[in-house]
C-alpha atoms as a PDB file:
ATOM      1  CA  UNK A   1      14.209  -6.265  44.504  1.00  0.00           C
ATOM      2  CA  UNK A   2      11.522  -3.641  45.127  1.00  0.00           C
ATOM      3  CA  UNK A   3       8.115  -4.715  46.382  1.00  0.00           C
ATOM      4  CA  UNK A   4       6.128  -6.002  43.403  1.00  0.00           C
ATOM      5  CA  UNK A   5       3.314  -3.465  43.913  1.00  0.00           C
ATOM      6  CA  UNK A   6       5.902  -0.650  43.626  1.00  0.00           C
ATOM      7  CA  UNK A   7       7.321  -1.848  40.307  1.00  0.00           C
ATOM      8  CA  UNK A   8       6.458  -0.135  37.075  1.00  0.00           C
ATOM      9  CA  UNK A   9       4.371  -2.305  34.766  1.00  0.00           C
ATOM     10  CA  UNK A  10       7.228  -2.744  32.291  1.00  0.00           C
ATOM     11  CA  UNK A  11       9.692  -3.725  35.032  1.00  0.00           C
ATOM     12  CA  UNK A  12       7.276  -6.235  36.551  1.00  0.00           C
ATOM     13  CA  UNK A  13       6.645  -7.755  33.112  1.00  0.00           C
ATOM     14  CA  UNK A  14      10.384  -8.082  32.420  1.00  0.00           C
ATOM     15  CA  UNK A  15      10.884  -9.752  35.811  1.00  0.00           C
ATOM     16  CA  UNK A  16       8.022 -12.159  35.127  1.00  0.00           C
ATOM     17  CA  UNK A  17       9.482 -13.035  31.727  1.00  0.00           C
ATOM     18  CA  UNK A  18      12.859 -13.644  33.399  1.00  0.00           C
ATOM     19  CA  UNK A  19      11.247 -15.932  35.981  1.00  0.00           C
ATOM     20  CA  UNK A  20       9.495 -17.921  33.260  1.00  0.00           C
ATOM     21  CA  UNK A  21      12.817 -18.378  31.455  1.00  0.00           C
ATOM     22  CA  UNK A  22      14.437 -19.541  34.702  1.00  0.00           C
ATOM     23  CA  UNK A  23      11.604 -22.001  35.337  1.00  0.00           C
ATOM     24  CA  UNK A  24      12.183 -23.479  31.885  1.00  0.00           C
ATOM     25  CA  UNK A  25      15.672 -24.527  32.980  1.00  0.00           C
ATOM     26  CA  UNK A  26      15.808 -28.166  33.972  1.00  0.00           C
ATOM     27  CA  UNK A  27      18.657 -27.803  36.468  1.00  0.00           C
ATOM     28  CA  UNK A  28      16.606 -26.049  39.190  1.00  0.00           C
ATOM     29  CA  UNK A  29      15.579 -27.997  42.250  1.00  0.00           C
ATOM     30  CA  UNK A  30      11.935 -28.199  43.297  1.00  0.00           C
ATOM     31  CA  UNK A  31      12.230 -25.711  46.176  1.00  0.00           C
ATOM     32  CA  UNK A  32      13.819 -23.082  43.909  1.00  0.00           C
ATOM     33  CA  UNK A  33      11.159 -23.669  41.261  1.00  0.00           C
ATOM     34  CA  UNK A  34       8.386 -23.239  43.831  1.00  0.00           C
ATOM     35  CA  UNK A  35       9.865 -19.938  45.069  1.00  0.00           C
ATOM     36  CA  UNK A  36      10.169 -18.611  41.529  1.00  0.00           C
ATOM     37  CA  UNK A  37       6.648 -19.796  40.694  1.00  0.00           C
ATOM     38  CA  UNK A  38       5.295 -18.044  43.803  1.00  0.00           C
ATOM     39  CA  UNK A  39       7.065 -14.796  42.890  1.00  0.00           C
ATOM     40  CA  UNK A  40       5.776 -15.079  39.319  1.00  0.00           C
ATOM     41  CA  UNK A  41       2.217 -15.613  40.538  1.00  0.00           C
ATOM     42  CA  UNK A  42       2.435 -12.483  42.691  1.00  0.00           C
ATOM     43  CA  UNK A  43       3.836 -10.486  39.779  1.00  0.00           C
ATOM     44  CA  UNK A  44       1.064 -11.730  37.496  1.00  0.00           C
ATOM     45  CA  UNK A  45      -1.550 -10.509  39.999  1.00  0.00           C
ATOM     46  CA  UNK A  46       0.162  -7.114  40.182  1.00  0.00           C
ATOM     47  CA  UNK A  47       0.237  -6.866  36.382  1.00  0.00           C
ATOM     48  CA  UNK A  48      -3.468  -7.700  36.097  1.00  0.00           C
ATOM     49  CA  UNK A  49      -4.264  -5.099  38.762  1.00  0.00           C
ATOM     50  CA  UNK A  50      -2.204  -2.431  36.979  1.00  0.00           C
ATOM     51  CA  UNK A  51      -3.948  -3.219  33.664  1.00  0.00           C
ATOM     52  CA  UNK A  52      -7.330  -3.006  35.406  1.00  0.00           C
ATOM     53  CA  UNK A  53      -6.430   0.382  36.867  1.00  0.00           C
ATOM     54  CA  UNK A  54      -5.300   1.647  33.463  1.00  0.00           C
ATOM     55  CA  UNK A  55      -8.536   0.434  31.862  1.00  0.00           C
ATOM     56  CA  UNK A  56     -10.628   2.220  34.490  1.00  0.00           C
ATOM     57  CA  UNK A  57      -8.606   5.394  34.013  1.00  0.00           C
ATOM     58  CA  UNK A  58      -9.196   5.274  30.248  1.00  0.00           C
ATOM     59  CA  UNK A  59     -12.921   4.725  30.828  1.00  0.00           C
ATOM     60  CA  UNK A  60     -13.031   7.705  33.203  1.00  0.00           C
ATOM     61  CA  UNK A  61     -11.167   9.902  30.721  1.00  0.00           C
ATOM     62  CA  UNK A  62     -13.458   8.859  27.888  1.00  0.00           C
ATOM     63  CA  UNK A  63     -16.531   9.517  30.055  1.00  0.00           C
ATOM     64  CA  UNK A  64     -15.167  12.926  31.042  1.00  0.00           C
ATOM     65  CA  UNK A  65     -14.427  14.000  27.472  1.00  0.00           C
ATOM     66  CA  UNK A  66     -17.403  12.455  25.692  1.00  0.00           C
ATOM     67  CA  UNK A  67     -20.102  12.887  28.306  1.00  0.00           C
ATOM     68  CA  UNK A  68     -21.162   9.277  28.613  1.00  0.00           C
ATOM     69  CA  UNK A  69     -19.111   6.131  29.193  1.00  0.00           C
ATOM     70  CA  UNK A  70     -17.857   4.620  25.982  1.00  0.00           C
ATOM     71  CA  UNK A  71     -15.366   1.804  25.702  1.00  0.00           C
ATOM     72  CA  UNK A  72     -12.834   2.363  22.973  1.00  0.00           C
ATOM     73  CA  UNK A  73     -10.714  -0.400  21.447  1.00  0.00           C
ATOM     74  CA  UNK A  74      -7.324  -0.672  23.085  1.00  0.00           C
ATOM     75  CA  UNK A  75      -4.388  -0.969  20.689  1.00  0.00           C
ATOM     76  CA  UNK A  76      -1.362  -2.612  22.273  1.00  0.00           C
ATOM     77  CA  UNK A  77       2.200  -2.925  20.998  1.00  0.00           C
ATOM     78  CA  UNK A  78       2.183  -6.699  21.434  1.00  0.00           C
ATOM     79  CA  UNK A  79      -0.156  -7.235  18.469  1.00  0.00           C
ATOM     80  CA  UNK A  80       2.708  -6.678  16.005  1.00  0.00           C
ATOM     81  CA  UNK A  81       4.679  -9.639  17.393  1.00  0.00           C
ATOM     82  CA  UNK A  82       7.375  -7.346  18.758  1.00  0.00           C
ATOM     83  CA  UNK A  83       7.859  -9.477  21.875  1.00  0.00           C
ATOM     84  CA  UNK A  84       7.623 -12.820  20.134  1.00  0.00           C
ATOM     85  CA  UNK A  85       4.260 -13.784  21.660  1.00  0.00           C
ATOM     86  CA  UNK A  86       0.745 -12.483  21.890  1.00  0.00           C
ATOM     87  CA  UNK A  87      -0.716 -10.554  24.827  1.00  0.00           C
ATOM     88  CA  UNK A  88      -2.291 -13.702  26.232  1.00  0.00           C
ATOM     89  CA  UNK A  89       1.086 -15.239  26.820  1.00  0.00           C
END
């Protein structure tokens, strides 16, 4: 697997979702669960960082085009239930 900071946001999210599904299995031993949990925690940090960077980029673009910083509402695809859960998890 590529380093988590090199993954595209969508790929990191899919991997995290896969890890969560694996952790839900009851047949995994504790050591395996801990390794998967650790990887998931790292991926979650990467995802938050990527979202932060995107937010800052949007704010910069808005400032550049409008003249003063203005936060605009962010519409995400998760609000329509497409992925079966909300953006918060």
